[in-house]
Amino acid sequence: MSKSKKIHISKEDRTLTKLAGLDAKVYVYCGDRKTLQKFIEDADNEYFHYGDGTALSERKPDSIMSVNRNRTVNYPGYVGTLAFHHGEMVGERPVVRVDYRKYIAGCKNFIYEP
């Protein structure tokens, strides 16, 4: 999705599950501790986990995390961090960068612009 393309998710429907269901490579940005803690709580409440089954509350996530359709969350690593900051596509899927603070606050534009 190009930077100019908007994604609409109603305020009432703002979940990690909804983000994971997008036809895109979804990166979630948590810019402060409070937002990161909310992300961890939401991930645990929606049964998201790391690939090995560990709950997010058991292992500290980074400020940028990838959210996947199979309810897994992963660290982006070097290549994923490059994709987050500079990429438009990962394979055949567009990159979507979500500012989680804006997403949970119900802001109309919750896309993170690096």
PDB file of N, CA and C in Angstrom:
ATOM      1  N   MET A   1       0.837  -1.156   0.000  1.00  0.00           N
ATOM      2  CA  MET A   1       0.000   0.000   0.000  1.00  0.00           C
ATOM      3  C   MET A   1       0.886   1.224   0.000  1.00  0.00           C
ATOM      4  N   SER A   2       0.699   2.052  -0.941  1.00  0.00           N
ATOM      5  CA  SER A   2       1.516   3.248  -1.004  1.00  0.00           C
ATOM      6  C   SER A   2       1.167   4.148   0.163  1.00  0.00           C
ATOM      7  N   LYS A   3       2.050   5.088   0.428  1.00  0.00           N
ATOM      8  CA  LYS A   3       1.843   5.984   1.550  1.00  0.00           C
ATOM      9  C   LYS A   3       0.544   6.769   1.433  1.00  0.00           C
ATOM     10  N   SER A   4       0.088   7.006   0.212  1.00  0.00           N
ATOM     11  CA  SER A   4      -1.121   7.796   0.018  1.00  0.00           C
ATOM     12  C   SER A   4      -2.399   6.975   0.208  1.00  0.00           C
ATOM     13  N   LYS A   5      -2.305   5.652   0.188  1.00  0.00           N
ATOM     14  CA  LYS A   5      -3.487   4.803   0.322  1.00  0.00           C
ATOM     15  C   LYS A   5      -3.909   4.706   1.783  1.00  0.00           C
ATOM     16  N   LYS A   6      -5.172   4.873   2.044  1.00  0.00           N
ATOM     17  CA  LYS A   6      -5.702   4.842   3.402  1.00  0.00           C
ATOM     18  C   LYS A   6      -6.339   3.484   3.690  1.00  0.00           C
ATOM     19  N   ILE A   7      -6.278   3.107   4.935  1.00  0.00           N
ATOM     20  CA  ILE A   7      -6.920   1.886   5.400  1.00  0.00           C
ATOM     21  C   ILE A   7      -7.979   2.318   6.404  1.00  0.00           C
ATOM     22  N   HIS A   8      -9.193   1.829   6.246  1.00  0.00           N
ATOM     23  CA  HIS A   8     -10.248   2.189   7.186  1.00  0.00           C
ATOM     24  C   HIS A   8     -10.597   0.991   8.059  1.00  0.00           C
ATOM     25  N   ILE A   9     -10.455   1.177   9.356  1.00  0.00           N
ATOM     26  CA  ILE A   9     -10.933   0.216  10.352  1.00  0.00           C
ATOM     27  C   ILE A   9     -11.666   1.054  11.387  1.00  0.00           C
ATOM     28  N   SER A  10     -12.932   0.761  11.608  1.00  0.00           N
ATOM     29  CA  SER A  10     -13.731   1.567  12.528  1.00  0.00           C
ATOM     30  C   SER A  10     -13.123   1.552  13.935  1.00  0.00           C
ATOM     31  N   LYS A  11     -13.412   2.598  14.702  1.00  0.00           N
ATOM     32  CA  LYS A  11     -12.889   2.703  16.065  1.00  0.00           C
ATOM     33  C   LYS A  11     -13.271   1.492  16.908  1.00  0.00           C
ATOM     34  N   GLU A  12     -14.485   1.001  16.706  1.00  0.00           N
ATOM     35  CA  GLU A  12     -14.992  -0.107  17.506  1.00  0.00           C
ATOM     36  C   GLU A  12     -14.351  -1.438  17.139  1.00  0.00           C
ATOM     37  N   ASP A  13     -13.718  -1.485  15.977  1.00  0.00           N
ATOM     38  CA  ASP A  13     -13.174  -2.738  15.459  1.00  0.00           C
ATOM     39  C   ASP A  13     -11.641  -2.754  15.443  1.00  0.00           C
ATOM     40  N   ARG A  14     -11.012  -1.930  16.256  1.00  0.00           N
ATOM     41  CA  ARG A  14      -9.554  -1.802  16.255  1.00  0.00           C
ATOM     42  C   ARG A  14      -8.920  -2.878  17.138  1.00  0.00           C
ATOM     43  N   THR A  15      -8.605  -4.000  16.515  1.00  0.00           N
ATOM     44  CA  THR A  15      -7.974  -5.107  17.216  1.00  0.00           C
ATOM     45  C   THR A  15      -6.713  -5.522  16.467  1.00  0.00           C
ATOM     46  N   LEU A  16      -5.870  -6.285  17.126  1.00  0.00           N
ATOM     47  CA  LEU A  16      -4.706  -6.860  16.448  1.00  0.00           C
ATOM     48  C   LEU A  16      -5.157  -7.883  15.416  1.00  0.00           C
ATOM     49  N   THR A  17      -6.220  -8.592  15.713  1.00  0.00           N
ATOM     50  CA  THR A  17      -6.757  -9.575  14.778  1.00  0.00           C
ATOM     51  C   THR A  17      -7.142  -8.906  13.468  1.00  0.00           C
ATOM     52  N   LYS A  18      -7.745  -7.736  13.549  1.00  0.00           N
ATOM     53  CA  LYS A  18      -8.134  -7.002  12.348  1.00  0.00           C
ATOM     54  C   LYS A  18      -6.886  -6.600  11.552  1.00  0.00           C
ATOM     55  N   LEU A  19      -5.847  -6.147  12.229  1.00  0.00           N
ATOM     56  CA  LEU A  19      -4.594  -5.795  11.553  1.00  0.00           C
ATOM     57  C   LEU A  19      -3.968  -7.022  10.902  1.00  0.00           C
ATOM     58  N   ALA A  20      -3.932  -8.115  11.632  1.00  0.00           N
ATOM     59  CA  ALA A  20      -3.314  -9.337  11.110  1.00  0.00           C
ATOM     60  C   ALA A  20      -4.053  -9.866   9.892  1.00  0.00           C
ATOM     61  N   GLY A  21      -5.327  -9.555   9.779  1.00  0.00           N
ATOM     62  CA  GLY A  21      -6.128 -10.027   8.662  1.00  0.00           C
ATOM     63  C   GLY A  21      -5.987  -9.211   7.384  1.00  0.00           C
ATOM     64  N   LEU A  22      -5.262  -8.103   7.444  1.00  0.00           N
ATOM     65  CA  LEU A  22      -5.060  -7.294   6.236  1.00  0.00           C
ATOM     66  C   LEU A  22      -4.219  -8.073   5.231  1.00  0.00           C
ATOM     67  N   ASP A  23      -4.465  -7.852   3.964  1.00  0.00           N
ATOM     68  CA  ASP A  23      -3.665  -8.498   2.912  1.00  0.00           C
ATOM     69  C   ASP A  23      -2.392  -7.681   2.715  1.00  0.00           C
ATOM     70  N   ALA A  24      -1.516  -7.721   3.734  1.00  0.00           N
ATOM     71  CA  ALA A  24      -0.311  -6.901   3.746  1.00  0.00           C
ATOM     72  C   ALA A  24       0.675  -7.460   4.762  1.00  0.00           C
ATOM     73  N   LYS A  25       1.900  -6.976   4.694  1.00  0.00           N
ATOM     74  CA  LYS A  25       2.898  -7.245   5.734  1.00  0.00           C
ATOM     75  C   LYS A  25       2.730  -6.125   6.744  1.00  0.00           C
ATOM     76  N   VAL A  26       2.253  -6.449   7.928  1.00  0.00           N
ATOM     77  CA  VAL A  26       1.880  -5.440   8.918  1.00  0.00           C
ATOM     78  C   VAL A  26       2.962  -5.317   9.994  1.00  0.00           C
ATOM     79  N   TYR A  27       3.488  -4.098  10.118  1.00  0.00           N
ATOM     80  CA  TYR A  27       4.424  -3.762  11.183  1.00  0.00           C
ATOM     81  C   TYR A  27       3.726  -2.801  12.129  1.00  0.00           C
ATOM     82  N   VAL A  28       3.852  -3.063  13.425  1.00  0.00           N
ATOM     83  CA  VAL A  28       3.244  -2.216  14.446  1.00  0.00           C
ATOM     84  C   VAL A  28       4.362  -1.481  15.175  1.00  0.00           C
ATOM     85  N   TYR A  29       4.208  -0.163  15.259  1.00  0.00           N
ATOM     86  CA  TYR A  29       5.182   0.684  15.938  1.00  0.00           C
ATOM     87  C   TYR A  29       4.609   1.160  17.262  1.00  0.00           C
ATOM     88  N   CYS A  30       5.352   0.924  18.345  1.00  0.00           N
ATOM     89  CA  CYS A  30       4.971   1.388  19.684  1.00  0.00           C
ATOM     90  C   CYS A  30       6.050   2.359  20.151  1.00  0.00           C
ATOM     91  N   GLY A  31       5.747   3.643  20.128  1.00  0.00           N
ATOM     92  CA  GLY A  31       6.746   4.678  20.359  1.00  0.00           C
ATOM     93  C   GLY A  31       7.065   5.004  21.807  1.00  0.00           C
ATOM     94  N   ASP A  32       6.312   4.458  22.753  1.00  0.00           N
ATOM     95  CA  ASP A  32       6.590   4.739  24.160  1.00  0.00           C
ATOM     96  C   ASP A  32       6.193   3.524  25.005  1.00  0.00           C
ATOM     97  N   ARG A  33       6.598   3.540  26.275  1.00  0.00           N
ATOM     98  CA  ARG A  33       6.347   2.397  27.167  1.00  0.00           C
ATOM     99  C   ARG A  33       4.867   2.105  27.370  1.00  0.00           C
ATOM    100  N   LYS A  34       4.083   3.150  27.527  1.00  0.00           N
ATOM    101  CA  LYS A  34       2.647   2.975  27.756  1.00  0.00           C
ATOM    102  C   LYS A  34       1.995   2.279  26.557  1.00  0.00           C
ATOM    103  N   THR A  35       2.357   2.704  25.356  1.00  0.00           N
ATOM    104  CA  THR A  35       1.814   2.090  24.144  1.00  0.00           C
ATOM    105  C   THR A  35       2.292   0.655  24.003  1.00  0.00           C
ATOM    106  N   LEU A  36       3.559   0.411  24.309  1.00  0.00           N
ATOM    107  CA  LEU A  36       4.103  -0.946  24.229  1.00  0.00           C
ATOM    108  C   LEU A  36       3.391  -1.862  25.226  1.00  0.00           C
ATOM    109  N   GLN A  37       3.133  -1.364  26.432  1.00  0.00           N
ATOM    110  CA  GLN A  37       2.422  -2.167  27.434  1.00  0.00           C
ATOM    111  C   GLN A  37       1.006  -2.493  26.969  1.00  0.00           C
ATOM    112  N   LYS A  38       0.331  -1.541  26.341  1.00  0.00           N
ATOM    113  CA  LYS A  38      -1.014  -1.774  25.811  1.00  0.00           C
ATOM    114  C   LYS A  38      -0.975  -2.814  24.691  1.00  0.00           C
ATOM    115  N   PHE A  39       0.044  -2.723  23.823  1.00  0.00           N
ATOM    116  CA  PHE A  39       0.224  -3.705  22.756  1.00  0.00           C
ATOM    117  C   PHE A  39       0.390  -5.113  23.340  1.00  0.00           C
ATOM    118  N   ILE A  40       1.207  -5.244  24.371  1.00  0.00           N
ATOM    119  CA  ILE A  40       1.431  -6.539  25.032  1.00  0.00           C
ATOM    120  C   ILE A  40       0.115  -7.065  25.615  1.00  0.00           C
ATOM    121  N   GLU A  41      -0.616  -6.214  26.314  1.00  0.00           N
ATOM    122  CA  GLU A  41      -1.898  -6.614  26.912  1.00  0.00           C
ATOM    123  C   GLU A  41      -2.885  -7.050  25.834  1.00  0.00           C
ATOM    124  N   ASP A  42      -2.985  -6.255  24.767  1.00  0.00           N
ATOM    125  CA  ASP A  42      -3.913  -6.598  23.691  1.00  0.00           C
ATOM    126  C   ASP A  42      -3.517  -7.910  23.022  1.00  0.00           C
ATOM    127  N   ALA A  43      -2.230  -8.096  22.795  1.00  0.00           N
ATOM    128  CA  ALA A  43      -1.753  -9.330  22.164  1.00  0.00           C
ATOM    129  C   ALA A  43      -2.086 -10.546  23.038  1.00  0.00           C
ATOM    130  N   ASP A  44      -1.839 -10.438  24.319  1.00  0.00           N
ATOM    131  CA  ASP A  44      -2.160 -11.540  25.227  1.00  0.00           C
ATOM    132  C   ASP A  44      -3.668 -11.798  25.267  1.00  0.00           C
ATOM    133  N   ASN A  45      -4.465 -10.741  25.316  1.00  0.00           N
ATOM    134  CA  ASN A  45      -5.927 -10.888  25.378  1.00  0.00           C
ATOM    135  C   ASN A  45      -6.509 -11.493  24.106  1.00  0.00           C
ATOM    136  N   GLU A  46      -5.841 -11.261  22.961  1.00  0.00           N
ATOM    137  CA  GLU A  46      -6.325 -11.798  21.690  1.00  0.00           C
ATOM    138  C   GLU A  46      -5.595 -13.089  21.303  1.00  0.00           C
ATOM    139  N   TYR A  47      -4.843 -13.649  22.227  1.00  0.00           N
ATOM    140  CA  TYR A  47      -4.145 -14.929  22.053  1.00  0.00           C
ATOM    141  C   TYR A  47      -3.090 -14.896  20.953  1.00  0.00           C
ATOM    142  N   PHE A  48      -2.435 -13.754  20.797  1.00  0.00           N
ATOM    143  CA  PHE A  48      -1.258 -13.672  19.930  1.00  0.00           C
ATOM    144  C   PHE A  48      -0.065 -14.120  20.751  1.00  0.00           C
ATOM    145  N   HIS A  49       0.944 -14.653  20.086  1.00  0.00           N
ATOM    146  CA  HIS A  49       2.128 -15.163  20.777  1.00  0.00           C
ATOM    147  C   HIS A  49       3.306 -15.148  19.816  1.00  0.00           C
ATOM    148  N   TYR A  50       4.475 -15.392  20.362  1.00  0.00           N
ATOM    149  CA  TYR A  50       5.658 -15.561  19.516  1.00  0.00           C
ATOM    150  C   TYR A  50       5.557 -16.909  18.816  1.00  0.00           C
ATOM    151  N   GLY A  51       6.364 -17.113  17.798  1.00  0.00           N
ATOM    152  CA  GLY A  51       6.329 -18.343  17.006  1.00  0.00           C
ATOM    153  C   GLY A  51       6.503 -19.610  17.821  1.00  0.00           C
ATOM    154  N   ASP A  52       7.202 -19.518  18.948  1.00  0.00           N
ATOM    155  CA  ASP A  52       7.417 -20.701  19.788  1.00  0.00           C
ATOM    156  C   ASP A  52       6.311 -20.895  20.823  1.00  0.00           C
ATOM    157  N   GLY A  53       5.253 -20.074  20.736  1.00  0.00           N
ATOM    158  CA  GLY A  53       4.123 -20.208  21.653  1.00  0.00           C
ATOM    159  C   GLY A  53       4.209 -19.345  22.896  1.00  0.00           C
ATOM    160  N   THR A  54       5.313 -18.649  23.100  1.00  0.00           N
ATOM    161  CA  THR A  54       5.487 -17.807  24.276  1.00  0.00           C
ATOM    162  C   THR A  54       4.604 -16.562  24.183  1.00  0.00           C
ATOM    163  N   ALA A  55       3.930 -16.235  25.297  1.00  0.00           N
ATOM    164  CA  ALA A  55       3.097 -15.030  25.342  1.00  0.00           C
ATOM    165  C   ALA A  55       3.989 -13.794  25.302  1.00  0.00           C
ATOM    166  N   LEU A  56       3.466 -12.714  24.750  1.00  0.00           N
ATOM    167  CA  LEU A  56       4.251 -11.476  24.675  1.00  0.00           C
ATOM    168  C   LEU A  56       4.622 -10.961  26.053  1.00  0.00           C
ATOM    169  N   SER A  57       3.761 -11.194  27.042  1.00  0.00           N
ATOM    170  CA  SER A  57       4.037 -10.729  28.400  1.00  0.00           C
ATOM    171  C   SER A  57       5.211 -11.462  29.043  1.00  0.00           C
ATOM    172  N   GLU A  58       5.646 -12.568  28.431  1.00  0.00           N
ATOM    173  CA  GLU A  58       6.764 -13.346  28.969  1.00  0.00           C
ATOM    174  C   GLU A  58       8.101 -12.988  28.338  1.00  0.00           C
ATOM    175  N   ARG A  59       8.085 -12.193  27.292  1.00  0.00           N
ATOM    176  CA  ARG A  59       9.316 -11.801  26.599  1.00  0.00           C
ATOM    177  C   ARG A  59       9.097 -10.409  26.032  1.00  0.00           C
ATOM    178  N   LYS A  60       9.966  -9.484  26.360  1.00  0.00           N
ATOM    179  CA  LYS A  60       9.751  -8.087  25.967  1.00  0.00           C
ATOM    180  C   LYS A  60       9.826  -7.890  24.453  1.00  0.00           C
ATOM    181  N   PRO A  61       8.761  -7.334  23.868  1.00  0.00           N
ATOM    182  CA  PRO A  61       8.809  -6.995  22.449  1.00  0.00           C
ATOM    183  C   PRO A  61       9.636  -5.727  22.209  1.00  0.00           C
ATOM    184  N   ASP A  62       9.985  -5.495  20.962  1.00  0.00           N
ATOM    185  CA  ASP A  62      10.667  -4.270  20.559  1.00  0.00           C
ATOM    186  C   ASP A  62       9.637  -3.206  20.213  1.00  0.00           C
ATOM    187  N   SER A  63      10.108  -2.031  19.886  1.00  0.00           N
ATOM    188  CA  SER A  63       9.195  -0.951  19.519  1.00  0.00           C
ATOM    189  C   SER A  63       8.570  -1.176  18.147  1.00  0.00           C
ATOM    190  N   ILE A  64       9.165  -2.044  17.331  1.00  0.00           N
ATOM    191  CA  ILE A  64       8.597  -2.428  16.033  1.00  0.00           C
ATOM    192  C   ILE A  64       8.418  -3.938  16.044  1.00  0.00           C
ATOM    193  N   MET A  65       7.197  -4.379  15.766  1.00  0.00           N
ATOM    194  CA  MET A  65       6.911  -5.812  15.722  1.00  0.00           C
ATOM    195  C   MET A  65       6.070  -6.116  14.485  1.00  0.00           C
ATOM    196  N   SER A  66       6.193  -7.327  13.989  1.00  0.00           N
ATOM    197  CA  SER A  66       5.392  -7.785  12.860  1.00  0.00           C
ATOM    198  C   SER A  66       4.245  -8.631  13.402  1.00  0.00           C
ATOM    199  N   VAL A  67       3.035  -8.381  12.891  1.00  0.00           N
ATOM    200  CA  VAL A  67       1.837  -9.104  13.315  1.00  0.00           C
ATOM    201  C   VAL A  67       1.384  -9.961  12.136  1.00  0.00           C
ATOM    202  N   ASN A  68       1.160 -11.254  12.385  1.00  0.00           N
ATOM    203  CA  ASN A  68       0.871 -12.206  11.314  1.00  0.00           C
ATOM    204  C   ASN A  68      -0.524 -12.817  11.435  1.00  0.00           C
ATOM    205  N   ARG A  69      -1.031 -13.284  10.316  1.00  0.00           N
ATOM    206  CA  ARG A  69      -2.384 -13.867  10.261  1.00  0.00           C
ATOM    207  C   ARG A  69      -2.579 -15.057  11.194  1.00  0.00           C
ATOM    208  N   ASN A  70      -1.527 -15.817  11.451  1.00  0.00           N
ATOM    209  CA  ASN A  70      -1.657 -17.004  12.295  1.00  0.00           C
ATOM    210  C   ASN A  70      -1.543 -16.674  13.791  1.00  0.00           C
ATOM    211  N   ARG A  71      -1.780 -15.400  14.115  1.00  0.00           N
ATOM    212  CA  ARG A  71      -1.739 -14.907  15.496  1.00  0.00           C
ATOM    213  C   ARG A  71      -0.354 -15.001  16.124  1.00  0.00           C
ATOM    214  N   THR A  72       0.665 -14.942  15.299  1.00  0.00           N
ATOM    215  CA  THR A  72       2.017 -14.850  15.831  1.00  0.00           C
ATOM    216  C   THR A  72       2.521 -13.425  15.656  1.00  0.00           C
ATOM    217  N   VAL A  73       3.451 -13.075  16.515  1.00  0.00           N
ATOM    218  CA  VAL A  73       4.118 -11.777  16.482  1.00  0.00           C
ATOM    219  C   VAL A  73       5.606 -12.084  16.447  1.00  0.00           C
ATOM    220  N   ASN A  74       6.340 -11.327  15.638  1.00  0.00           N
ATOM    221  CA  ASN A  74       7.774 -11.575  15.608  1.00  0.00           C
ATOM    222  C   ASN A  74       8.574 -10.284  15.530  1.00  0.00           C
ATOM    223  N   TYR A  75       9.822 -10.398  16.005  1.00  0.00           N
ATOM    224  CA  TYR A  75      10.772  -9.309  15.876  1.00  0.00           C
ATOM    225  C   TYR A  75      11.092  -9.155  14.391  1.00  0.00           C
ATOM    226  N   PRO A  76      11.228  -7.933  13.905  1.00  0.00           N
ATOM    227  CA  PRO A  76      11.463  -7.766  12.469  1.00  0.00           C
ATOM    228  C   PRO A  76      12.867  -8.135  12.014  1.00  0.00           C
ATOM    229  N   GLY A  77      13.857  -8.116  12.886  1.00  0.00           N
ATOM    230  CA  GLY A  77      15.224  -8.397  12.458  1.00  0.00           C
ATOM    231  C   GLY A  77      15.741  -7.286  11.554  1.00  0.00           C
ATOM    232  N   TYR A  78      16.905  -7.503  10.997  1.00  0.00           N
ATOM    233  CA  TYR A  78      17.556  -6.485  10.172  1.00  0.00           C
ATOM    234  C   TYR A  78      16.755  -6.181   8.908  1.00  0.00           C
ATOM    235  N   VAL A  79      16.392  -7.222   8.165  1.00  0.00           N
ATOM    236  CA  VAL A  79      15.679  -7.029   6.901  1.00  0.00           C
ATOM    237  C   VAL A  79      14.293  -6.445   7.147  1.00  0.00           C
ATOM    238  N   GLY A  80      13.591  -6.922   8.170  1.00  0.00           N
ATOM    239  CA  GLY A  80      12.281  -6.396   8.491  1.00  0.00           C
ATOM    240  C   GLY A  80      12.328  -4.938   8.922  1.00  0.00           C
ATOM    241  N   THR A  81      13.370  -4.567   9.646  1.00  0.00           N
ATOM    242  CA  THR A  81      13.531  -3.173  10.053  1.00  0.00           C
ATOM    243  C   THR A  81      13.749  -2.290   8.833  1.00  0.00           C
ATOM    244  N   LEU A  82      14.540  -2.775   7.875  1.00  0.00           N
ATOM    245  CA  LEU A  82      14.713  -2.037   6.621  1.00  0.00           C
ATOM    246  C   LEU A  82      13.375  -1.908   5.894  1.00  0.00           C
ATOM    247  N   ALA A  83      12.610  -2.996   5.844  1.00  0.00           N
ATOM    248  CA  ALA A  83      11.300  -2.965   5.185  1.00  0.00           C
ATOM    249  C   ALA A  83      10.375  -1.979   5.887  1.00  0.00           C
ATOM    250  N   PHE A  84      10.410  -1.975   7.211  1.00  0.00           N
ATOM    251  CA  PHE A  84       9.565  -1.049   7.967  1.00  0.00           C
ATOM    252  C   PHE A  84       9.893   0.399   7.614  1.00  0.00           C
ATOM    253  N   HIS A  85      11.171   0.722   7.575  1.00  0.00           N
ATOM    254  CA  HIS A  85      11.579   2.105   7.343  1.00  0.00           C
ATOM    255  C   HIS A  85      11.556   2.527   5.879  1.00  0.00           C
ATOM    256  N   HIS A  86      11.805   1.592   4.964  1.00  0.00           N
ATOM    257  CA  HIS A  86      12.005   1.987   3.573  1.00  0.00           C
ATOM    258  C   HIS A  86      11.186   1.208   2.549  1.00  0.00           C
ATOM    259  N   GLY A  87      10.686   0.057   2.910  1.00  0.00           N
ATOM    260  CA  GLY A  87      10.037  -0.816   1.934  1.00  0.00           C
ATOM    261  C   GLY A  87       8.613  -0.429   1.605  1.00  0.00           C
ATOM    262  N   GLU A  88       8.212  -0.777   0.420  1.00  0.00           N
ATOM    263  CA  GLU A  88       6.821  -0.618   0.003  1.00  0.00           C
ATOM    264  C   GLU A  88       6.156  -1.985  -0.162  1.00  0.00           C
ATOM    265  N   MET A  89       6.975  -3.006  -0.445  1.00  0.00           N
ATOM    266  CA  MET A  89       6.453  -4.359  -0.647  1.00  0.00           C
ATOM    267  C   MET A  89       7.375  -5.362   0.059  1.00  0.00           C
ATOM    268  N   VAL A  90       6.794  -6.445   0.556  1.00  0.00           N
ATOM    269  CA  VAL A  90       7.536  -7.610   1.036  1.00  0.00           C
ATOM    270  C   VAL A  90       6.979  -8.765   0.233  1.00  0.00           C
ATOM    271  N   GLY A  91       7.768  -9.215  -0.723  1.00  0.00           N
ATOM    272  CA  GLY A  91       7.268 -10.202  -1.673  1.00  0.00           C
ATOM    273  C   GLY A  91       6.158  -9.571  -2.490  1.00  0.00           C
ATOM    274  N   GLU A  92       5.001 -10.203  -2.476  1.00  0.00           N
ATOM    275  CA  GLU A  92       3.839  -9.700  -3.211  1.00  0.00           C
ATOM    276  C   GLU A  92       2.904  -8.856  -2.337  1.00  0.00           C
ATOM    277  N   ARG A  93       3.282  -8.688  -1.081  1.00  0.00           N
ATOM    278  CA  ARG A  93       2.395  -7.998  -0.134  1.00  0.00           C
ATOM    279  C   ARG A  93       2.882  -6.584   0.167  1.00  0.00           C
ATOM    280  N   PRO A  94       1.978  -5.618   0.174  1.00  0.00           N
ATOM    281  CA  PRO A  94       2.368  -4.247   0.528  1.00  0.00           C
ATOM    282  C   PRO A  94       2.710  -4.146   2.019  1.00  0.00           C
ATOM    283  N   VAL A  95       3.589  -3.219   2.338  1.00  0.00           N
ATOM    284  CA  VAL A  95       3.962  -2.961   3.726  1.00  0.00           C
ATOM    285  C   VAL A  95       2.972  -1.959   4.326  1.00  0.00           C
ATOM    286  N   VAL A  96       2.461  -2.287   5.509  1.00  0.00           N
ATOM    287  CA  VAL A  96       1.598  -1.379   6.262  1.00  0.00           C
ATOM    288  C   VAL A  96       2.279  -1.122   7.595  1.00  0.00           C
ATOM    289  N   ARG A  97       2.506   0.146   7.887  1.00  0.00           N
ATOM    290  CA  ARG A  97       3.153   0.560   9.134  1.00  0.00           C
ATOM    291  C   ARG A  97       2.095   1.208  10.025  1.00  0.00           C
ATOM    292  N   VAL A  98       1.811   0.593  11.157  1.00  0.00           N
ATOM    293  CA  VAL A  98       0.753   1.077  12.050  1.00  0.00           C
ATOM    294  C   VAL A  98       1.375   1.736  13.272  1.00  0.00           C
ATOM    295  N   ASP A  99       0.978   2.976  13.534  1.00  0.00           N
ATOM    296  CA  ASP A  99       1.350   3.653  14.770  1.00  0.00           C
ATOM    297  C   ASP A  99       0.310   3.205  15.804  1.00  0.00           C
ATOM    298  N   TYR A 100       0.713   2.310  16.704  1.00  0.00           N
ATOM    299  CA  TYR A 100      -0.255   1.685  17.602  1.00  0.00           C
ATOM    300  C   TYR A 100      -0.928   2.694  18.534  1.00  0.00           C
ATOM    301  N   ARG A 101      -0.220   3.713  18.943  1.00  0.00           N
ATOM    302  CA  ARG A 101      -0.822   4.750  19.799  1.00  0.00           C
ATOM    303  C   ARG A 101      -2.004   5.398  19.073  1.00  0.00           C
ATOM    304  N   LYS A 102      -1.812   5.747  17.813  1.00  0.00           N
ATOM    305  CA  LYS A 102      -2.893   6.357  17.023  1.00  0.00           C
ATOM    306  C   LYS A 102      -4.007   5.346  16.749  1.00  0.00           C
ATOM    307  N   TYR A 103      -3.620   4.110  16.504  1.00  0.00           N
ATOM    308  CA  TYR A 103      -4.593   3.051  16.203  1.00  0.00           C
ATOM    309  C   TYR A 103      -5.559   2.858  17.363  1.00  0.00           C
ATOM    310  N   ILE A 104      -5.024   2.699  18.579  1.00  0.00           N
ATOM    311  CA  ILE A 104      -5.891   2.444  19.738  1.00  0.00           C
ATOM    312  C   ILE A 104      -6.634   3.700  20.191  1.00  0.00           C
ATOM    313  N   ALA A 105      -6.095   4.878  19.844  1.00  0.00           N
ATOM    314  CA  ALA A 105      -6.766   6.133  20.200  1.00  0.00           C
ATOM    315  C   ALA A 105      -7.941   6.428  19.269  1.00  0.00           C
ATOM    316  N   GLY A 106      -8.040   5.672  18.174  1.00  0.00           N
ATOM    317  CA  GLY A 106      -9.138   5.873  17.247  1.00  0.00           C
ATOM    318  C   GLY A 106      -8.886   6.936  16.195  1.00  0.00           C
ATOM    319  N   CYS A 107      -7.609   7.353  16.040  1.00  0.00           N
ATOM    320  CA  CYS A 107      -7.288   8.370  15.032  1.00  0.00           C
ATOM    321  C   CYS A 107      -7.644   7.858  13.642  1.00  0.00           C
ATOM    322  N   LYS A 108      -8.169   8.740  12.835  1.00  0.00           N
ATOM    323  CA  LYS A 108      -8.560   8.373  11.474  1.00  0.00           C
ATOM    324  C   LYS A 108      -7.356   7.872  10.683  1.00  0.00           C
ATOM    325  N   ASN A 109      -6.233   8.579  10.777  1.00  0.00           N
ATOM    326  CA  ASN A 109      -5.004   8.148  10.101  1.00  0.00           C
ATOM    327  C   ASN A 109      -4.063   7.555  11.133  1.00  0.00           C
ATOM    328  N   PHE A 110      -3.953   6.253  11.163  1.00  0.00           N
ATOM    329  CA  PHE A 110      -3.090   5.566  12.120  1.00  0.00           C
ATOM    330  C   PHE A 110      -1.838   4.998  11.458  1.00  0.00           C
ATOM    331  N   ILE A 111      -1.611   5.348  10.205  1.00  0.00           N
ATOM    332  CA  ILE A 111      -0.435   4.860   9.487  1.00  0.00           C
ATOM    333  C   ILE A 111       0.792   5.628   9.957  1.00  0.00           C
ATOM    334  N   TYR A 112       1.843   4.899  10.303  1.00  0.00           N
ATOM    335  CA  TYR A 112       3.117   5.505  10.709  1.00  0.00           C
ATOM    336  C   TYR A 112       3.877   5.891   9.454  1.00  0.00           C
ATOM    337  N   GLU A 113       4.294   7.122   9.399  1.00  0.00           N
ATOM    338  CA  GLU A 113       5.093   7.609   8.264  1.00  0.00           C
ATOM    339  C   GLU A 113       6.520   7.818   8.743  1.00  0.00           C
ATOM    340  N   PRO A 114       7.451   6.972   8.287  1.00  0.00           N
ATOM    341  CA  PRO A 114       8.852   7.129   8.728  1.00  0.00           C
ATOM    342  C   PRO A 114       9.488   8.390   8.173  1.00  0.00           C
TER     343      PRO A 114
END
